[in-house]
Amino acid sequence: MRSHKQHRLRRAAVHCAAAGVLLTPFFTLIASTAYADLTLCNSTSSRVGVSVGYQDKQGWSTEGWWNIVSQTCEPLLKGTVPSRFIYVHAVDYDRGGEWAGDNYMCTADKSFAIRGVHDCKKRGYKRTGFFEVDTGESQEWTIRLTDPQDQGTKTR
């Protein structure tokens, strides 16, 4: 369902403040020290919609949508980050496109909290691709979405 006007996250810039290492372009991950939350900063010039997936003691869960205006940060999950690997899917509301990946989980069109990642369509949900974020088992983490041109890359 992607049009040629939309862009898809192909690679991701992972920047850990503690390590200070830039790996690839598009979003930046920074270990946060202020609060024990999972936070997303929208450093793009657009409004974005964000959903997250993670595995906790009860199993897999996906939650969304957080609507985050340009140049702001919002806590997505309060408290300690629930797992080492967090999965993110984001949509650019103003210019089209998405940040996505090859890890498929369930989402819905409106606000949702879904348990389980299998049989999404059979259960009445969408099957959506998420990209993986390795928090290194940090208790707090900030994900920063940036405009593709900020990294010197072209949008598809």
Protein backbone atom coordinates (compact mmCIF):
# COMPACT_ATOMS: atom_id res chain seq x y z
CA MET A 1 0.00 0.00 0.00
CA ARG A 2 2.99 2.35 -0.18
CA SER A 3 2.91 4.86 -3.01
CA HIS A 4 6.07 6.09 -4.68
CA LYS A 5 5.52 9.39 -2.82
CA GLN A 6 5.93 7.67 0.50
CA HIS A 7 9.26 6.88 2.00
CA ARG A 8 10.19 3.88 4.02
CA LEU A 9 12.80 3.67 6.66
CA ARG A 10 15.55 1.60 5.13
CA ARG A 11 18.33 2.29 7.55
CA ALA A 12 18.45 3.86 10.95
CA ALA A 13 20.95 6.09 12.67
CA VAL A 14 21.61 4.72 16.07
CA HIS A 15 23.40 7.07 18.38
CA CYS A 16 23.94 6.10 21.97
CA ALA A 17 24.96 9.09 24.07
CA ALA A 18 26.99 6.87 26.34
CA ALA A 19 28.94 5.27 23.48
CA GLY A 20 28.83 8.25 21.10
CA VAL A 21 28.69 6.02 18.01
CA LEU A 22 26.77 6.90 14.82
CA LEU A 23 25.89 3.76 12.86
CA THR A 24 23.37 4.59 10.05
CA PRO A 25 20.96 7.44 9.02
CA PHE A 26 17.30 8.41 9.78
CA PHE A 27 16.65 8.29 13.52
CA THR A 28 18.81 8.71 16.54
CA LEU A 29 18.63 6.85 19.82
CA ILE A 30 20.00 8.53 22.90
CA ALA A 31 20.21 7.09 26.39
CA SER A 32 18.26 9.46 28.60
CA THR A 33 19.18 10.32 32.17
CA ALA A 34 16.27 12.49 33.33
CA TYR A 35 13.43 9.96 33.77
CA ALA A 36 12.93 6.21 33.63
CA ASP A 37 10.66 6.34 30.57
CA LEU A 38 10.66 5.40 26.92
CA THR A 39 10.46 8.77 25.15
CA LEU A 40 10.17 9.69 21.48
CA CYS A 41 11.39 13.03 20.14
CA ASN A 42 10.01 14.16 16.81
CA SER A 43 12.84 16.20 15.29
CA THR A 44 11.14 16.27 11.88
CA SER A 45 9.28 19.15 10.28
CA SER A 46 6.06 17.07 10.27
CA ARG A 47 3.51 15.71 12.68
CA VAL A 48 4.06 11.99 13.25
CA GLY A 49 1.99 9.12 14.60
CA VAL A 50 3.91 6.50 16.61
CA SER A 51 3.20 2.98 17.82
CA VAL A 52 5.50 0.73 19.86
CA GLY A 53 5.82 -2.98 20.49
CA TYR A 54 7.64 -4.84 23.24
CA GLN A 55 7.73 -8.07 25.18
CA ASP A 56 7.07 -7.98 28.92
CA LYS A 57 6.32 -10.65 31.55
CA GLN A 58 2.84 -11.23 30.08
CA GLY A 59 4.11 -11.58 26.49
CA TRP A 60 4.06 -9.39 23.39
CA SER A 61 2.20 -6.09 23.35
CA THR A 62 1.73 -3.23 20.89
CA GLU A 63 0.40 0.23 21.73
CA GLY A 64 -0.39 3.34 19.73
CA TRP A 65 -1.04 5.95 18.44
CA TRP A 66 0.84 8.83 19.96
CA ASN A 67 0.48 11.95 17.84
CA ILE A 68 3.64 13.98 18.23
CA VAL A 69 3.96 17.45 16.74
CA SER A 70 7.14 18.66 15.09
CA GLN A 71 10.11 19.46 17.33
CA THR A 72 8.63 17.98 20.54
CA CYS A 73 9.24 14.96 22.77
CA GLU A 74 6.62 12.74 24.43
CA PRO A 75 6.95 9.85 26.87
CA LEU A 76 5.51 6.75 25.22
CA LEU A 77 5.85 4.32 28.11
CA LYS A 78 6.12 5.57 31.69
CA GLY A 79 8.54 3.89 34.07
CA THR A 80 11.33 1.44 33.35
CA VAL A 81 11.69 0.38 29.70
CA PRO A 82 9.90 -3.01 29.60
CA SER A 83 12.42 -4.94 27.49
CA ARG A 84 15.82 -4.64 25.87
CA PHE A 85 14.30 -4.59 22.38
CA ILE A 86 11.60 -2.05 21.58
CA TYR A 87 9.86 -2.00 18.21
CA VAL A 88 8.66 1.22 16.56
CA HIS A 89 6.41 2.10 13.65
CA ALA A 90 5.88 5.77 12.79
CA VAL A 91 3.86 7.56 10.13
CA ASP A 92 4.58 11.01 8.68
CA TYR A 93 1.15 12.70 8.65
CA ASP A 94 2.17 15.77 6.67
CA ARG A 95 4.41 14.45 3.88
CA GLY A 96 3.38 10.80 3.78
CA GLY A 97 5.69 7.86 4.32
CA GLU A 98 6.63 5.86 7.34
CA TRP A 99 9.42 4.52 9.47
CA ALA A 100 8.93 0.76 9.34
CA GLY A 101 10.81 -2.51 9.44
CA ASP A 102 10.58 -6.26 9.04
CA ASN A 103 9.27 -7.12 12.52
CA TYR A 104 5.52 -7.59 12.12
CA MET A 105 3.08 -6.82 14.90
CA CYS A 106 -0.59 -5.89 15.24
CA THR A 107 -1.92 -2.33 15.04
CA ALA A 108 -5.29 -0.62 14.65
CA ASP A 109 -6.39 2.60 12.96
CA LYS A 110 -7.29 4.33 16.22
CA SER A 111 -5.80 4.27 19.72
CA PHE A 112 -4.97 0.69 20.72
CA ALA A 113 -3.31 -1.65 23.20
CA ILE A 114 -3.05 -5.15 21.75
CA ARG A 115 -1.72 -8.32 23.38
CA GLY A 116 -0.04 -10.81 21.04
CA VAL A 117 1.56 -10.41 17.62
CA HIS A 118 0.15 -13.41 15.77
CA ASP A 119 -2.96 -13.72 13.59
CA CYS A 120 -3.42 -9.95 13.43
CA LYS A 121 -5.88 -10.00 10.52
CA LYS A 122 -7.90 -12.90 11.97
CA ARG A 123 -8.27 -10.91 15.18
CA GLY A 124 -9.42 -7.78 13.32
CA TYR A 125 -6.12 -5.85 13.37
CA LYS A 126 -3.59 -4.72 10.77
CA ARG A 127 -0.25 -6.52 10.34
CA THR A 128 2.35 -3.73 10.47
CA GLY A 129 6.15 -3.69 10.09
CA PHE A 130 8.18 -2.26 12.99
CA PHE A 131 11.89 -1.46 13.22
CA GLU A 132 13.91 -2.77 16.15
CA VAL A 133 15.59 -0.58 18.76
CA ASP A 134 18.20 -2.17 21.03
CA THR A 135 18.17 -0.23 24.30
CA GLY A 136 21.05 -2.25 25.70
CA GLU A 137 18.85 -3.06 28.71
CA SER A 138 18.76 0.59 29.79
CA GLN A 139 15.98 1.53 32.17
CA GLU A 140 15.29 4.71 30.19
CA TRP A 141 15.65 5.48 26.51
CA THR A 142 14.91 8.24 24.02
CA ILE A 143 14.24 7.63 20.33
CA ARG A 144 14.70 10.60 18.00
CA LEU A 145 13.04 10.66 14.57
CA THR A 146 14.71 13.01 12.10
CA ASP A 147 13.99 14.20 8.57
CA PRO A 148 15.81 12.07 5.98
CA GLN A 149 17.53 15.13 4.46
CA ASP A 150 19.06 15.91 7.87
CA GLN A 151 21.18 12.80 7.39
CA GLY A 152 22.13 13.53 3.77
CA THR A 153 19.96 10.74 2.39
CA LYS A 154 17.20 10.79 -0.19
CA THR A 155 13.57 9.87 0.42
CA ARG A 156 11.91 7.22 -1.72
